[in-house]
C-alpha atoms as a PDB file:
ATOM      1  CA  MET A   1       7.894   9.564  17.896  1.00  0.00           C
ATOM      2  CA  THR A   2       5.093   9.905  14.837  1.00  0.00           C
ATOM      3  CA  THR A   3       1.434   9.344  15.683  1.00  0.00           C
ATOM      4  CA  LEU A   4       0.778   6.129  13.488  1.00  0.00           C
ATOM      5  CA  LYS A   5       4.372   4.826  14.699  1.00  0.00           C
ATOM      6  CA  SER A   6       2.997   4.891  18.376  1.00  0.00           C
ATOM      7  CA  THR A   7      -0.623   3.820  17.691  1.00  0.00           C
ATOM      8  CA  LEU A   8       1.175   0.257  16.318  1.00  0.00           C
ATOM      9  CA  HIS A   9       3.482   0.646  19.470  1.00  0.00           C
ATOM     10  CA  ASP A  10       0.537   0.386  21.852  1.00  0.00           C
ATOM     11  CA  ASP A  11      -1.226  -1.885  19.717  1.00  0.00           C
ATOM     12  CA  LEU A  12       1.384  -4.340  19.805  1.00  0.00           C
ATOM     13  CA  THR A  13       1.279  -4.163  23.655  1.00  0.00           C
ATOM     14  CA  ALA A  14      -2.121  -4.656  23.631  1.00  0.00           C
ATOM     15  CA  ALA A  15      -1.703  -7.311  21.197  1.00  0.00           C
ATOM     16  CA  ILE A  16       0.697  -9.098  23.691  1.00  0.00           C
ATOM     17  CA  LYS A  17      -1.105  -8.313  26.493  1.00  0.00           C
ATOM     18  CA  ALA A  18      -4.153 -10.151  24.704  1.00  0.00           C
ATOM     19  CA  ARG A  19      -1.927 -13.075  23.938  1.00  0.00           C
ATOM     20  CA  ASP A  20      -3.041 -12.676  19.871  1.00  0.00           C
ATOM     21  CA  GLU A  21      -0.234 -14.083  18.288  1.00  0.00           C
ATOM     22  CA  LEU A  22      -1.214 -13.370  14.927  1.00  0.00           C
ATOM     23  CA  ARG A  23      -1.507  -9.648  15.782  1.00  0.00           C
ATOM     24  CA  SER A  24       1.484  -9.161  17.875  1.00  0.00           C
ATOM     25  CA  SER A  25       3.802 -11.194  15.482  1.00  0.00           C
ATOM     26  CA  THR A  26       2.486  -9.121  12.557  1.00  0.00           C
ATOM     27  CA  LEU A  27       2.863  -5.532  14.375  1.00  0.00           C
ATOM     28  CA  ARG A  28       6.262  -6.629  15.182  1.00  0.00           C
ATOM     29  CA  LEU A  29       7.281  -7.369  11.467  1.00  0.00           C
ATOM     30  CA  THR A  30       5.959  -4.128  10.574  1.00  0.00           C
ATOM     31  CA  LEU A  31       7.822  -2.077  13.290  1.00  0.00           C
ATOM     32  CA  SER A  32      10.915  -4.098  12.851  1.00  0.00           C
ATOM     33  CA  ALA A  33      10.640  -2.971   8.913  1.00  0.00           C
ATOM     34  CA  ILE A  34       9.747   0.854   9.844  1.00  0.00           C
ATOM     35  CA  ALA A  35      13.366   0.760  12.296  1.00  0.00           C
ATOM     36  CA  TYR A  36      14.705  -0.452   9.041  1.00  0.00           C
ATOM     37  CA  GLU A  37      14.031   1.909   7.261  1.00  0.00           C
ATOM     38  CA  GLU A  38      14.501   4.828   9.746  1.00  0.00           C
ATOM     39  CA  THR A  39      18.200   3.491  10.182  1.00  0.00           C
ATOM     40  CA  ALA A  40      18.596   2.696   6.553  1.00  0.00           C
ATOM     41  CA  GLY A  41      20.922   5.299   4.251  1.00  0.00           C
ATOM     42  CA  LYS A  42      23.496   7.524   5.715  1.00  0.00           C
ATOM     43  CA  SER A  43      22.223   8.847   9.019  1.00  0.00           C
ATOM     44  CA  ALA A  44      19.408   7.817  11.078  1.00  0.00           C
ATOM     45  CA  ARG A  45      16.093   9.781  11.246  1.00  0.00           C
ATOM     46  CA  GLU A  46      12.311   9.534  12.647  1.00  0.00           C
ATOM     47  CA  LEU A  47       9.993   8.861   9.713  1.00  0.00           C
ATOM     48  CA  SER A  48       7.190  10.694   9.162  1.00  0.00           C
ATOM     49  CA  ASP A  49       3.266   9.417   8.938  1.00  0.00           C
ATOM     50  CA  ASP A  50       3.108   9.074   5.250  1.00  0.00           C
ATOM     51  CA  GLU A  51       6.321   7.229   5.545  1.00  0.00           C
ATOM     52  CA  VAL A  52       5.027   4.962   7.870  1.00  0.00           C
ATOM     53  CA  LEU A  53       2.119   4.694   5.522  1.00  0.00           C
ATOM     54  CA  GLN A  54       3.864   3.841   2.904  1.00  0.00           C
ATOM     55  CA  VAL A  55       6.054   1.061   4.510  1.00  0.00           C
ATOM     56  CA  ILE A  56       2.357  -0.312   6.245  1.00  0.00           C
ATOM     57  CA  THR A  57       1.706  -0.333   2.149  1.00  0.00           C
ATOM     58  CA  ARG A  58       4.652  -1.970   1.453  1.00  0.00           C
ATOM     59  CA  GLU A  59       4.429  -4.991   4.240  1.00  0.00           C
ATOM     60  CA  ALA A  60       0.899  -5.453   2.782  1.00  0.00           C
ATOM     61  CA  LYS A  61       1.547  -5.782  -0.514  1.00  0.00           C
ATOM     62  CA  LYS A  62       4.402  -8.492   0.296  1.00  0.00           C
ATOM     63  CA  ARG A  63       1.585 -10.576   2.235  1.00  0.00           C
ATOM     64  CA  ARG A  64      -0.508 -10.523  -0.807  1.00  0.00           C
ATOM     65  CA  GLU A  65       1.884 -11.467  -3.014  1.00  0.00           C
ATOM     66  CA  ALA A  66       2.960 -14.162  -0.289  1.00  0.00           C
ATOM     67  CA  ALA A  67      -0.418 -15.570  -0.126  1.00  0.00           C
ATOM     68  CA  ASP A  68      -0.695 -15.726  -3.579  1.00  0.00           C
ATOM     69  CA  ALA A  69       2.652 -17.658  -3.992  1.00  0.00           C
ATOM     70  CA  PHE A  70       1.408 -20.058  -1.572  1.00  0.00           C
ATOM     71  CA  ASP A  71      -1.690 -21.031  -3.300  1.00  0.00           C
ATOM     72  CA  LYS A  72       0.321 -21.714  -6.387  1.00  0.00           C
ATOM     73  CA  GLY A  73       2.512 -23.884  -4.291  1.00  0.00           C
ATOM     74  CA  GLY A  74      -0.528 -25.832  -2.873  1.00  0.00           C
ATOM     75  CA  ARG A  75       0.208 -24.609   0.834  1.00  0.00           C
ATOM     76  CA  ALA A  76      -3.304 -23.309   1.691  1.00  0.00           C
ATOM     77  CA  GLU A  77      -2.422 -22.935   5.314  1.00  0.00           C
ATOM     78  CA  GLN A  78       0.477 -20.618   4.978  1.00  0.00           C
ATOM     79  CA  ALA A  79      -1.467 -18.521   2.314  1.00  0.00           C
ATOM     80  CA  GLU A  80      -4.582 -18.200   5.074  1.00  0.00           C
ATOM     81  CA  ARG A  81      -1.728 -16.809   7.597  1.00  0.00           C
ATOM     82  CA  GLU A  82      -0.233 -14.291   4.937  1.00  0.00           C
ATOM     83  CA  ARG A  83      -3.847 -13.183   4.318  1.00  0.00           C
ATOM     84  CA  ALA A  84      -4.857 -12.871   8.050  1.00  0.00           C
ATOM     85  CA  GLU A  85      -1.897 -10.755   8.331  1.00  0.00           C
ATOM     86  CA  GLY A  86      -2.594  -8.844   5.427  1.00  0.00           C
ATOM     87  CA  GLU A  87      -5.673  -7.957   7.055  1.00  0.00           C
ATOM     88  CA  VAL A  88      -4.625  -6.657  10.068  1.00  0.00           C
ATOM     89  CA  LEU A  89      -1.953  -4.261   8.106  1.00  0.00           C
ATOM     90  CA  ALA A  90      -5.485  -3.509   6.713  1.00  0.00           C
ATOM     91  CA  ALA A  91      -6.761  -1.849   9.175  1.00  0.00           C
ATOM     92  CA  TYR A  92      -4.154   0.782   9.331  1.00  0.00           C
ATOM     93  CA  LEU A  93      -4.137   2.099   5.680  1.00  0.00           C
ATOM     94  CA  PRO A  94      -6.315   4.482   4.122  1.00  0.00           C
ATOM     95  CA  LYS A  95      -9.940   2.942   3.102  1.00  0.00           C
ATOM     96  CA  GLN A  96      -9.369   1.774  -0.905  1.00  0.00           C
ATOM     97  CA  MET A  97     -11.243   3.945  -3.236  1.00  0.00           C
ATOM     98  CA  SER A  98     -13.925   1.963  -5.207  1.00  0.00           C
ATOM     99  CA  ASP A  99     -13.184   1.312  -9.205  1.00  0.00           C
ATOM    100  CA  GLU A 100     -15.674   4.162 -10.253  1.00  0.00           C
ATOM    101  CA  GLU A 101     -13.870   6.816  -7.789  1.00  0.00           C
ATOM    102  CA  LEU A 102     -10.888   5.336  -9.231  1.00  0.00           C
ATOM    103  CA  ALA A 103     -12.026   5.559 -13.101  1.00  0.00           C
ATOM    104  CA  ALA A 104     -13.491   9.084 -12.787  1.00  0.00           C
ATOM    105  CA  ILE A 105      -9.937  10.499 -11.358  1.00  0.00           C
ATOM    106  CA  VAL A 106      -8.145   8.441 -14.213  1.00  0.00           C
ATOM    107  CA  ALA A 107     -10.605  10.408 -16.676  1.00  0.00           C
ATOM    108  CA  ASP A 108      -9.922  13.742 -15.339  1.00  0.00           C
ATOM    109  CA  ALA A 109      -6.228  13.049 -15.635  1.00  0.00           C
ATOM    110  CA  VAL A 110      -6.430  11.602 -19.155  1.00  0.00           C
ATOM    111  CA  THR A 111      -8.253  15.097 -19.997  1.00  0.00           C
ATOM    112  CA  GLU A 112      -5.620  17.283 -18.227  1.00  0.00           C
ATOM    113  CA  ALA A 113      -2.824  15.340 -19.929  1.00  0.00           C
ATOM    114  CA  LYS A 114      -4.164  15.204 -23.281  1.00  0.00           C
ATOM    115  CA  ALA A 115      -4.805  19.274 -22.465  1.00  0.00           C
ATOM    116  CA  GLY A 116      -0.990  19.466 -21.784  1.00  0.00           C
ATOM    117  CA  GLY A 117      -0.280  17.808 -25.099  1.00  0.00           C
ATOM    118  CA  ALA A 118       0.379  13.921 -24.509  1.00  0.00           C
ATOM    119  CA  GLU A 119      -1.771  11.779 -26.477  1.00  0.00           C
ATOM    120  CA  GLY A 120      -2.123   7.859 -26.813  1.00  0.00           C
ATOM    121  CA  PRO A 121      -0.506   5.145 -25.084  1.00  0.00           C
ATOM    122  CA  LYS A 122       2.759   7.227 -24.762  1.00  0.00           C
ATOM    123  CA  ALA A 123       1.014   9.731 -22.674  1.00  0.00           C
ATOM    124  CA  MET A 124       0.639   7.000 -19.913  1.00  0.00           C
ATOM    125  CA  GLY A 125       3.756   8.495 -17.314  1.00  0.00           C
ATOM    126  CA  ALA A 126       2.325  12.048 -17.476  1.00  0.00           C
ATOM    127  CA  VAL A 127      -1.369  10.330 -16.713  1.00  0.00           C
ATOM    128  CA  MET A 128       0.266   8.102 -13.959  1.00  0.00           C
ATOM    129  CA  LYS A 129       2.297  11.445 -12.602  1.00  0.00           C
ATOM    130  CA  ILE A 130      -1.117  13.415 -12.494  1.00  0.00           C
ATOM    131  CA  VAL A 131      -3.163  10.302 -10.540  1.00  0.00           C
ATOM    132  CA  LYS A 132      -0.368   9.162  -8.312  1.00  0.00           C
ATOM    133  CA  ALA A 133      -0.784  12.972  -6.448  1.00  0.00           C
ATOM    134  CA  LYS A 134      -5.076  12.620  -6.602  1.00  0.00           C
ATOM    135  CA  VAL A 135      -4.730   8.684  -5.346  1.00  0.00           C
ATOM    136  CA  ALA A 136      -2.202   8.916  -2.604  1.00  0.00           C
ATOM    137  CA  GLY A 137      -2.343   5.657  -1.004  1.00  0.00           C
ATOM    138  CA  ARG A 138      -5.967   5.389  -1.483  1.00  0.00           C
ATOM    139  CA  ALA A 139      -5.127   3.081  -4.664  1.00  0.00           C
ATOM    140  CA  GLU A 140      -2.751   0.515  -5.268  1.00  0.00           C
ATOM    141  CA  GLY A 141      -0.462   1.028  -8.386  1.00  0.00           C
ATOM    142  CA  SER A 142      -1.460  -1.657 -10.461  1.00  0.00           C
ATOM    143  CA  ARG A 143      -5.108  -0.863 -10.092  1.00  0.00           C
ATOM    144  CA  VAL A 144      -4.490   2.596 -11.471  1.00  0.00           C
ATOM    145  CA  ALA A 145      -1.903   1.468 -14.259  1.00  0.00           C
ATOM    146  CA  THR A 146      -4.454  -0.891 -15.465  1.00  0.00           C
ATOM    147  CA  GLU A 147      -7.598   1.805 -15.524  1.00  0.00           C
ATOM    148  CA  VAL A 148      -5.192   4.380 -17.238  1.00  0.00           C
ATOM    149  CA  LYS A 149      -3.845   1.903 -20.374  1.00  0.00           C
ATOM    150  CA  ARG A 150      -7.830   0.709 -20.495  1.00  0.00           C
ATOM    151  CA  LEU A 151      -8.744   4.539 -20.890  1.00  0.00           C
ATOM    152  CA  LEU A 152      -5.591   5.371 -23.150  1.00  0.00           C
ATOM    153  CA  ALA A 153      -6.199   2.252 -25.567  1.00  0.00           C
ATOM    154  CA  GLY A 154      -9.797   3.370 -26.436  1.00  0.00           C
END
């Protein structure tokens, strides 16, 4: 079992013993998503820590989107629950980059892409590819895309 997955299992056990319903239900759902990912496809396999991290990131994003949807629907109590679940998952994610750090990495990538012959808004794909490799889960894709668009536009 990967170390991150075993940490999730240990934390689930501790949450159940502490009768922490929010934490235990969130971790159960996350471990279920990980198990589904492991059995999806032609053959079952063990996920690496990076793949487990991707599943946790995806689950956290679902929580944020659900909270926004509940807010728009006037269901504040459910929105608050989704946010709380997102905070539980955030503890397992790497620390997010500041806007300044992200801007510096994107600026370097734009310079690198332009040196490779990419110009204007059409260079977005090349820049995103460079930035994604450097950011590696420390900044959400929408944040990265917004910053890339801003720098390529002017």
